[in-house]
Amino acid sequence: MTAEVTNSYETVFVARQPIFDTEKKVWGYELLYRSSMVALSADYVDESAATLRVAADASFILGGENVGQLKLCVNFTEQTVLDRVPYALPKEMVVIEVESRTDYSQEFIDELVALREQGYLVAVDGCQSPGQTRALLKQADFIKVDVLNKERYELAVLMDDLREFNAACIAKRVENYDVYQSLQGLGFTYYQGFFFQKPRIVPGRRLSSSLAARFKLFRLIEADDADFNEVADIVQADVSISYRLLVLLNTPSFGFPRNITSIRQAVVILGWQQIKNWLRLVLFSDITPKGKAQELLFLSAQRGRFLETAAKTVPEHAEKAEGLFVVGLFSLLDAILDMPMKEIIDHLPLDPALRGELENGESYWLGLARCFESGDWQDLDDAIMHLGLDPLDVAGCYHESILWTNTFFDSTN
């Protein structure tokens, strides 16, 4: 490995993409990364070093969730497997992912056998047909199939051919709910992609009175002339909100020398802006119906923090940083509520100038977040350039946004 491994996370772009089980619960994540903003092609040694650097801090990647119950798929090349690099990672958490190829050496296959004997799981990525890859597929615990732009009959034939290997099949690049639905009954055990972000619209659905009340409190918080005493009275009268907010403020991450016993006391110590951000998250978690994937909550909160901090790095964008927090936080509400965004947006406390960020699917700010989440590094470069941001600042903001969001979910779970 090279000296690159000593670099900080802030110099490495990393995205985590969720993998779901048949009940649409998160089973694990795949790391999507590159070694630097200036990398024009993959350098396998540096690529592995970057992966190890991130995998070393599993709590960061897994968003504060129970590491023992979630898997982390890490890509390895033939050489890094031969160098026994995977043994540096915990077998309870890591799935060794290798590309589907026909030209692997027998020594490589033997190393996979040894890894599995030691308790590691192996995934073969990009299988098109068994063909001459049978020796490799026999060592697979998971087989990943790219389903993008594939007809159902094509996938049915392939899945039938793969049954002999007794491996769980993962459908990758499931980009929307319609594709997810079309895969049902084919035998896939797991699904990878962002299909959960696409809403399944429920005809005639409207905001409930409780949701409307939460949005009303949102608007009160966001008002330019917000009356702090009025807000404090409302929050403290809501046992659920005030309890969770005070539990959050008394976590070790805040490091207060004494317990915080009231919302007013917290504001004096922390300041209204920071309290407002945390209160936004508490309210937002109430809006999400029970049964929705926790990943949506985490991703929404992280987007808000990421956009806010990224905007603050450039003076010309700093004045809309707070508004971009709200834009990021609300950007998945259509998926969360299974309603069109146009039916929700009138209830949101947004400045008219920022409403377009949610209404316009081509928004560069939201595109910035989506590129990280999907590992679309080329479009990420374009968004960074268009917005006049510094690549290393953006990478640092993304890393910090995950840590910040972890703090909230660790204290409220």
Protein backbone atom coordinates (compact mmCIF):
# COMPACT_ATOMS: atom_id res chain seq x y z
CA MET A 1 0.00 0.00 0.00
CA THR A 2 1.07 3.58 -0.53
CA ALA A 3 1.37 6.58 1.73
CA GLU A 4 -2.14 7.57 0.62
CA VAL A 5 -3.49 5.46 3.47
CA THR A 6 -2.32 8.07 5.98
CA ASN A 7 -4.48 10.81 4.45
CA SER A 8 -7.52 12.01 6.34
CA TYR A 9 -11.07 11.15 5.37
CA GLU A 10 -11.54 14.70 4.11
CA THR A 11 -9.30 14.00 1.11
CA VAL A 12 -11.23 10.90 0.06
CA PHE A 13 -14.69 10.89 -1.52
CA VAL A 14 -16.81 8.08 -0.11
CA ALA A 15 -20.49 7.28 -0.50
CA ARG A 16 -22.48 4.55 1.17
CA GLN A 17 -25.26 2.98 -0.89
CA PRO A 18 -27.85 0.94 1.00
CA ILE A 19 -28.73 -2.68 0.24
CA PHE A 20 -32.23 -3.76 1.31
CA ASP A 21 -33.78 -7.11 2.13
CA THR A 22 -37.17 -8.26 0.85
CA GLU A 23 -38.92 -6.30 3.61
CA LYS A 24 -37.13 -3.12 2.48
CA LYS A 25 -35.06 -3.01 5.65
CA VAL A 26 -31.39 -2.05 5.35
CA TRP A 27 -29.24 -5.19 5.27
CA GLY A 28 -25.95 -3.40 4.64
CA TYR A 29 -24.06 -0.88 2.52
CA GLU A 30 -21.63 -0.86 -0.35
CA LEU A 31 -18.83 1.68 -0.33
CA LEU A 32 -18.53 3.77 -3.47
CA TYR A 33 -15.39 5.83 -3.51
CA ARG A 34 -12.41 7.27 -5.31
CA SER A 35 -9.05 8.25 -3.91
CA SER A 36 -9.11 11.98 -4.73
CA MET A 37 -10.75 14.71 -6.77
CA VAL A 38 -7.90 14.60 -9.29
CA ALA A 39 -8.04 10.84 -9.91
CA LEU A 40 -8.86 10.38 -13.60
CA SER A 41 -8.86 6.59 -13.45
CA ALA A 42 -8.92 3.87 -10.83
CA ASP A 43 -5.61 3.14 -9.09
CA TYR A 44 -6.29 -0.20 -7.49
CA VAL A 45 -3.70 0.09 -4.73
CA ASP A 46 -4.85 3.54 -3.70
CA GLU A 47 -8.44 2.40 -4.12
CA SER A 48 -7.94 -0.36 -1.58
CA ALA A 49 -6.12 1.97 0.78
CA ALA A 50 -9.00 4.42 0.62
CA THR A 51 -11.50 1.64 1.29
CA LEU A 52 -9.57 0.34 4.28
CA ARG A 53 -9.26 3.87 5.61
CA VAL A 54 -13.01 4.28 5.63
CA ALA A 55 -13.89 0.74 6.69
CA ALA A 56 -11.67 1.17 9.76
CA ASP A 57 -14.36 3.44 11.20
CA ALA A 58 -17.47 1.35 10.65
CA SER A 59 -19.65 3.48 12.92
CA PHE A 60 -19.07 6.41 10.56
CA ILE A 61 -20.06 4.44 7.47
CA LEU A 62 -23.02 2.68 9.05
CA GLY A 63 -24.55 5.85 10.40
CA GLY A 64 -24.45 4.93 14.06
CA GLU A 65 -26.40 1.72 13.54
CA ASN A 66 -25.66 -1.65 15.11
CA VAL A 67 -22.54 -2.70 13.22
CA GLY A 68 -22.98 -6.32 14.23
CA GLN A 69 -26.25 -6.59 12.31
CA LEU A 70 -25.28 -4.76 9.12
CA LYS A 71 -22.85 -5.72 6.37
CA LEU A 72 -20.31 -3.54 4.63
CA CYS A 73 -19.49 -4.58 1.05
CA VAL A 74 -15.91 -3.64 0.21
CA ASN A 75 -14.49 -3.97 -3.31
CA PHE A 76 -11.19 -5.81 -3.70
CA THR A 77 -8.99 -6.46 -6.71
CA GLU A 78 -7.22 -9.72 -7.48
CA GLN A 79 -3.90 -8.38 -6.23
CA THR A 80 -5.24 -7.12 -2.91
CA VAL A 81 -6.89 -10.49 -2.28
CA LEU A 82 -3.59 -12.24 -3.08
CA ASP A 83 -1.88 -9.81 -0.70
CA ARG A 84 -4.41 -10.90 1.96
CA VAL A 85 -5.57 -7.36 2.58
CA PRO A 86 -9.14 -8.49 3.48
CA TYR A 87 -7.85 -10.10 6.67
CA ALA A 88 -7.31 -6.59 8.05
CA LEU A 89 -11.09 -6.16 8.23
CA PRO A 90 -13.58 -7.80 10.64
CA LYS A 91 -15.21 -10.88 9.13
CA GLU A 92 -18.40 -10.29 11.13
CA MET A 93 -19.07 -7.08 9.23
CA VAL A 94 -17.29 -7.15 5.87
CA VAL A 95 -18.36 -8.83 2.63
CA ILE A 96 -15.41 -9.29 0.25
CA GLU A 97 -16.66 -8.07 -3.13
CA VAL A 98 -14.84 -9.03 -6.33
CA GLU A 99 -15.58 -8.36 -9.99
CA SER A 100 -17.00 -11.14 -12.17
CA ARG A 101 -14.18 -12.12 -14.57
CA THR A 102 -13.07 -15.20 -16.47
CA ASP A 103 -9.31 -14.73 -16.20
CA TYR A 104 -8.64 -15.10 -12.46
CA SER A 105 -5.71 -17.28 -11.48
CA GLN A 106 -6.20 -20.51 -9.53
CA GLU A 107 -4.18 -18.89 -6.73
CA PHE A 108 -6.84 -16.19 -6.46
CA ILE A 109 -9.66 -18.77 -6.31
CA ASP A 110 -7.73 -20.63 -3.59
CA GLU A 111 -7.47 -17.41 -1.57
CA LEU A 112 -11.25 -16.96 -1.77
CA VAL A 113 -11.67 -20.52 -0.52
CA ALA A 114 -9.35 -19.74 2.41
CA LEU A 115 -11.24 -16.53 3.22
CA ARG A 116 -14.54 -18.37 3.34
CA GLU A 117 -13.02 -21.08 5.54
CA GLN A 118 -12.06 -18.29 7.97
CA GLY A 119 -15.66 -17.08 8.07
CA TYR A 120 -15.57 -14.27 5.49
CA LEU A 121 -18.43 -13.81 3.03
CA VAL A 122 -17.76 -13.30 -0.68
CA ALA A 123 -19.83 -11.42 -3.25
CA VAL A 124 -19.29 -11.63 -7.01
CA ASP A 125 -20.31 -8.41 -8.73
CA GLY A 126 -21.55 -7.92 -12.29
CA CYS A 127 -22.54 -11.46 -13.26
CA GLN A 128 -24.01 -11.55 -16.78
CA SER A 129 -24.07 -15.33 -17.27
CA PRO A 130 -22.33 -18.25 -15.52
CA GLY A 131 -20.31 -19.17 -18.63
CA GLN A 132 -16.66 -19.66 -17.71
CA THR A 133 -17.02 -18.05 -14.27
CA ARG A 134 -18.32 -21.19 -12.54
CA ALA A 135 -15.15 -21.68 -10.49
CA LEU A 136 -15.55 -18.13 -9.18
CA LEU A 137 -19.32 -18.36 -8.60
CA LYS A 138 -18.87 -21.56 -6.57
CA GLN A 139 -17.09 -19.41 -3.97
CA ALA A 140 -19.84 -16.80 -3.87
CA ASP A 141 -22.15 -16.30 -0.92
CA PHE A 142 -23.79 -13.46 -2.87
CA ILE A 143 -24.10 -12.81 -6.60
CA LYS A 144 -24.82 -9.25 -7.73
CA VAL A 145 -26.81 -8.78 -10.93
CA ASP A 146 -27.01 -5.42 -12.71
CA VAL A 147 -30.71 -5.03 -13.55
CA LEU A 148 -30.57 -1.59 -15.16
CA ASN A 149 -32.26 -1.59 -18.59
CA LYS A 150 -32.75 -5.36 -18.46
CA GLU A 151 -35.98 -7.02 -19.57
CA ARG A 152 -37.73 -9.24 -17.05
CA TYR A 153 -37.43 -12.32 -19.29
CA GLU A 154 -33.64 -11.81 -19.56
CA LEU A 155 -33.32 -11.66 -15.80
CA ALA A 156 -35.57 -14.69 -15.35
CA VAL A 157 -33.28 -16.80 -17.57
CA LEU A 158 -30.16 -15.60 -15.76
CA MET A 159 -31.66 -16.21 -12.31
CA ASP A 160 -32.60 -19.73 -13.35
CA ASP A 161 -28.99 -20.37 -14.44
CA LEU A 162 -27.66 -19.04 -11.12
CA ARG A 163 -29.72 -21.35 -8.91
CA GLU A 164 -27.06 -24.09 -9.06
CA PHE A 165 -24.64 -21.96 -7.04
CA ASN A 166 -26.80 -21.72 -3.92
CA ALA A 167 -25.90 -18.05 -3.41
CA ALA A 168 -28.18 -15.17 -2.44
CA CYS A 169 -28.72 -12.84 -5.39
CA ILE A 170 -28.54 -9.05 -5.07
CA ALA A 171 -30.22 -6.87 -7.69
CA LYS A 172 -28.05 -3.78 -8.19
CA ARG A 173 -28.96 -0.43 -9.76
CA VAL A 174 -32.61 -0.66 -8.76
CA GLU A 175 -33.22 3.00 -9.50
CA ASN A 176 -36.98 3.37 -9.00
CA TYR A 177 -40.01 1.73 -7.47
CA ASP A 178 -41.32 0.42 -10.80
CA VAL A 179 -38.10 -1.51 -11.40
CA TYR A 180 -38.24 -2.87 -7.85
CA GLN A 181 -41.80 -4.08 -8.45
CA SER A 182 -40.86 -5.73 -11.75
CA LEU A 183 -38.20 -7.83 -9.99
CA GLN A 184 -40.63 -9.44 -7.59
CA GLY A 185 -40.89 -13.21 -7.99
CA LEU A 186 -37.55 -13.62 -9.75
CA GLY A 187 -35.70 -14.87 -6.67
CA PHE A 188 -33.68 -11.84 -5.59
CA THR A 189 -32.92 -11.78 -1.86
CA TYR A 190 -31.53 -8.24 -1.69
CA TYR A 191 -31.90 -5.00 -3.63
CA GLN A 192 -29.34 -2.23 -4.07
CA GLY A 193 -30.14 1.28 -5.25
CA PHE A 194 -32.29 4.24 -4.37
CA PHE A 195 -35.71 2.93 -5.36
CA PHE A 196 -37.02 3.88 -1.90
CA GLN A 197 -36.63 7.56 -2.77
CA LYS A 198 -39.32 7.32 -5.44
CA PRO A 199 -42.79 7.73 -3.92
CA ARG A 200 -45.58 5.27 -4.48
CA ILE A 201 -48.47 7.74 -4.65
CA VAL A 202 -51.59 6.90 -2.65
CA PRO A 203 -54.60 8.38 -4.51
CA GLY A 204 -56.53 10.95 -2.54
CA ARG A 205 -54.03 11.07 0.30
CA ARG A 206 -53.90 14.30 2.33
CA LEU A 207 -51.88 15.59 5.26
CA SER A 208 -53.35 14.46 8.57
CA SER A 209 -54.22 17.01 11.24
CA SER A 210 -51.23 15.92 13.35
CA LEU A 211 -48.87 16.41 10.39
CA ALA A 212 -50.40 19.79 9.65
CA ALA A 213 -49.79 20.78 13.29
CA ARG A 214 -46.13 19.75 13.02
CA PHE A 215 -45.73 21.81 9.85
CA LYS A 216 -47.34 24.75 11.64
CA LEU A 217 -44.67 24.52 14.33
CA PHE A 218 -42.05 24.30 11.57
CA ARG A 219 -43.34 27.55 10.09
CA LEU A 220 -43.28 29.20 13.52
CA ILE A 221 -39.63 28.22 13.99
CA GLU A 222 -38.64 29.41 10.52
CA ALA A 223 -40.32 32.82 10.74
CA ASP A 224 -37.91 35.76 10.43
CA ASP A 225 -39.40 37.32 13.55
CA ALA A 226 -39.76 34.05 15.47
CA ASP A 227 -40.85 34.62 19.06
CA PHE A 228 -38.50 32.40 21.05
CA ASN A 229 -40.67 32.48 24.19
CA GLU A 230 -43.69 31.32 22.21
CA VAL A 231 -41.69 28.52 20.60
CA ALA A 232 -40.27 27.45 23.97
CA ASP A 233 -43.75 27.35 25.48
CA ILE A 234 -45.08 25.17 22.65
CA VAL A 235 -42.10 22.81 22.75
CA GLN A 236 -42.14 22.41 26.50
CA ALA A 237 -45.88 21.71 26.42
CA ASP A 238 -45.22 18.79 24.05
CA VAL A 239 -43.90 16.03 26.30
CA SER A 240 -42.62 13.90 23.42
CA ILE A 241 -40.65 16.67 21.71
CA SER A 242 -39.23 18.26 24.85
CA TYR A 243 -38.15 14.91 26.31
CA ARG A 244 -36.28 13.86 23.17
CA LEU A 245 -34.67 17.24 22.73
CA LEU A 246 -33.40 17.33 26.32
CA VAL A 247 -32.10 13.76 26.07
CA LEU A 248 -30.25 14.82 22.95
CA LEU A 249 -28.74 17.90 24.56
CA ASN A 250 -27.48 15.88 27.53
CA THR A 251 -25.49 13.42 25.41
CA PRO A 252 -21.69 13.36 25.84
CA SER A 253 -21.21 14.85 22.37
CA PHE A 254 -22.32 18.24 23.70
CA GLY A 255 -20.03 18.02 26.73
CA PHE A 256 -22.01 20.30 29.05
CA PRO A 257 -20.60 20.46 32.60
CA ARG A 258 -24.12 20.16 34.03
CA ASN A 259 -27.43 18.74 32.89
CA ILE A 260 -29.68 20.84 30.66
CA THR A 261 -33.12 20.95 32.26
CA SER A 262 -35.09 23.31 30.02
CA ILE A 263 -35.31 24.46 26.43
CA ARG A 264 -34.72 28.06 27.54
CA GLN A 265 -31.53 27.05 29.35
CA ALA A 266 -30.32 25.19 26.25
CA VAL A 267 -30.85 28.23 24.05
CA VAL A 268 -28.85 30.44 26.38
CA ILE A 269 -25.91 28.02 26.31
CA LEU A 270 -26.05 26.80 22.70
CA GLY A 271 -27.69 29.67 20.87
CA TRP A 272 -30.98 29.75 18.98
CA GLN A 273 -29.55 28.62 15.63
CA GLN A 274 -28.13 25.33 16.89
CA ILE A 275 -31.21 24.55 18.95
CA LYS A 276 -33.33 25.29 15.90
CA ASN A 277 -31.47 22.72 13.81
CA TRP A 278 -31.92 20.01 16.42
CA LEU A 279 -35.56 20.93 16.90
CA ARG A 280 -36.07 20.66 13.15
CA LEU A 281 -34.78 17.09 13.24
CA VAL A 282 -36.96 16.11 16.19
CA LEU A 283 -40.03 17.49 14.43
CA PHE A 284 -39.01 15.87 11.17
CA SER A 285 -38.74 12.44 12.79
CA ASP A 286 -42.33 12.90 13.99
CA ILE A 287 -43.51 13.57 10.45
CA THR A 288 -42.18 10.26 9.17
CA PRO A 289 -44.79 7.48 9.37
CA LYS A 290 -43.87 4.40 11.36
CA GLY A 291 -42.53 1.62 9.21
CA LYS A 292 -40.61 3.87 6.83
CA ALA A 293 -36.94 3.03 6.39
CA GLN A 294 -34.66 4.72 8.92
CA GLU A 295 -32.34 5.31 5.99
CA LEU A 296 -34.71 7.99 4.68
CA LEU A 297 -34.56 9.89 7.97
CA PHE A 298 -30.80 9.65 8.18
CA LEU A 299 -30.32 10.67 4.56
CA SER A 300 -32.68 13.66 4.85
CA ALA A 301 -30.94 15.00 7.95
CA GLN A 302 -27.50 14.44 6.47
CA ARG A 303 -28.46 16.23 3.26
CA GLY A 304 -29.61 19.25 5.22
CA ARG A 305 -26.40 19.50 7.22
CA PHE A 306 -24.23 18.86 4.16
CA LEU A 307 -25.85 21.56 2.04
CA GLU A 308 -25.76 24.05 4.91
CA THR A 309 -22.06 23.59 5.66
CA ALA A 310 -21.04 23.41 1.99
CA ALA A 311 -22.81 26.72 1.29
CA LYS A 312 -21.01 28.38 4.19
CA THR A 313 -17.62 27.65 2.60
CA VAL A 314 -18.24 30.24 -0.13
CA PRO A 315 -19.19 33.84 0.82
CA GLU A 316 -21.57 34.26 -2.12
CA HIS A 317 -23.65 31.27 -0.95
CA ALA A 318 -23.39 31.77 2.82
CA GLU A 319 -26.56 33.84 3.14
CA LYS A 320 -28.74 30.97 1.94
CA ALA A 321 -26.98 28.26 3.99
CA GLU A 322 -29.74 28.03 6.60
CA GLY A 323 -32.41 27.77 3.93
CA LEU A 324 -30.48 25.00 2.20
CA PHE A 325 -30.52 23.03 5.46
CA VAL A 326 -34.31 23.00 5.29
CA VAL A 327 -34.25 22.19 1.56
CA GLY A 328 -32.06 19.14 2.19
CA LEU A 329 -34.12 18.07 5.19
CA PHE A 330 -37.38 18.18 3.21
CA SER A 331 -35.99 16.84 -0.08
CA LEU A 332 -37.29 13.29 0.47
CA LEU A 333 -40.70 14.19 1.88
CA ASP A 334 -42.47 12.94 -1.22
CA ALA A 335 -40.98 9.47 -0.66
CA ILE A 336 -41.57 9.61 3.10
CA LEU A 337 -45.24 10.62 2.82
CA ASP A 338 -45.98 8.88 -0.51
CA MET A 339 -47.35 12.16 -1.86
CA PRO A 340 -46.29 14.39 -4.77
CA MET A 341 -43.97 17.18 -3.68
CA LYS A 342 -46.27 19.77 -5.27
CA GLU A 343 -49.01 18.79 -2.77
CA ILE A 344 -46.64 19.13 0.18
CA ILE A 345 -44.65 22.22 -0.69
CA ASP A 346 -47.30 24.78 0.26
CA HIS A 347 -47.06 23.53 3.85
CA LEU A 348 -43.28 23.94 4.03
CA PRO A 349 -41.58 26.92 5.71
CA LEU A 350 -39.48 27.90 2.70
CA ASP A 351 -38.43 31.21 1.29
CA PRO A 352 -39.93 31.54 -2.22
CA ALA A 353 -36.42 31.71 -3.67
CA LEU A 354 -35.65 28.26 -2.22
CA ARG A 355 -38.91 26.56 -3.16
CA GLY A 356 -37.50 26.05 -6.64
CA GLU A 357 -34.73 23.91 -5.16
CA LEU A 358 -37.36 21.32 -4.23
CA GLU A 359 -39.62 21.83 -7.22
CA ASN A 360 -36.76 21.68 -9.74
CA GLY A 361 -35.36 18.18 -10.05
CA GLU A 362 -32.22 19.59 -11.69
CA SER A 363 -31.18 21.66 -8.68
CA TYR A 364 -27.37 21.79 -8.46
CA TRP A 365 -27.46 21.83 -4.65
CA LEU A 366 -29.58 18.70 -4.30
CA GLY A 367 -27.66 17.21 -7.21
CA LEU A 368 -24.48 17.70 -5.20
CA ALA A 369 -25.89 15.50 -2.42
CA ARG A 370 -27.32 12.90 -4.80
CA CYS A 371 -23.98 12.50 -6.57
CA PHE A 372 -22.28 11.64 -3.28
CA GLU A 373 -25.02 9.17 -2.37
CA SER A 374 -24.84 7.32 -5.69
CA GLY A 375 -21.08 7.60 -6.24
CA ASP A 376 -21.60 9.59 -9.45
CA TRP A 377 -18.22 11.29 -9.34
CA GLN A 378 -18.31 12.80 -12.83
CA ASP A 379 -21.56 14.70 -12.20
CA LEU A 380 -20.22 15.59 -8.75
CA ASP A 381 -17.29 17.35 -10.40
CA ASP A 382 -19.70 19.26 -12.64
CA ALA A 383 -21.88 20.36 -9.69
CA ILE A 384 -18.88 21.48 -7.64
CA MET A 385 -17.55 23.50 -10.56
CA HIS A 386 -20.94 25.09 -11.30
CA LEU A 387 -21.43 26.16 -7.68
CA GLY A 388 -17.87 27.47 -7.34
CA LEU A 389 -17.00 25.20 -4.41
CA ASP A 390 -13.63 23.81 -3.38
CA PRO A 391 -13.49 19.98 -3.78
CA LEU A 392 -11.66 19.35 -0.51
CA ASP A 393 -14.04 21.63 1.39
CA VAL A 394 -16.97 19.71 -0.05
CA ALA A 395 -15.45 16.35 0.93
CA GLY A 396 -14.86 17.62 4.47
CA CYS A 397 -18.44 18.92 4.70
CA TYR A 398 -19.83 15.57 3.59
CA HIS A 399 -17.80 13.68 6.17
CA GLU A 400 -18.80 16.12 8.92
CA SER A 401 -22.48 15.87 7.95
CA ILE A 402 -22.46 12.11 8.57
CA LEU A 403 -20.81 12.51 11.96
CA TRP A 404 -23.26 15.29 12.90
CA THR A 405 -26.28 13.21 11.86
CA ASN A 406 -24.93 10.20 13.74
CA THR A 407 -25.01 12.27 16.93
CA PHE A 408 -28.72 12.91 16.52
CA PHE A 409 -29.70 9.32 15.72
CA ASP A 410 -27.41 7.78 18.37
CA SER A 411 -29.17 9.86 21.04
CA THR A 412 -32.75 9.31 19.85
CA ASN A 413 -32.70 5.59 19.00
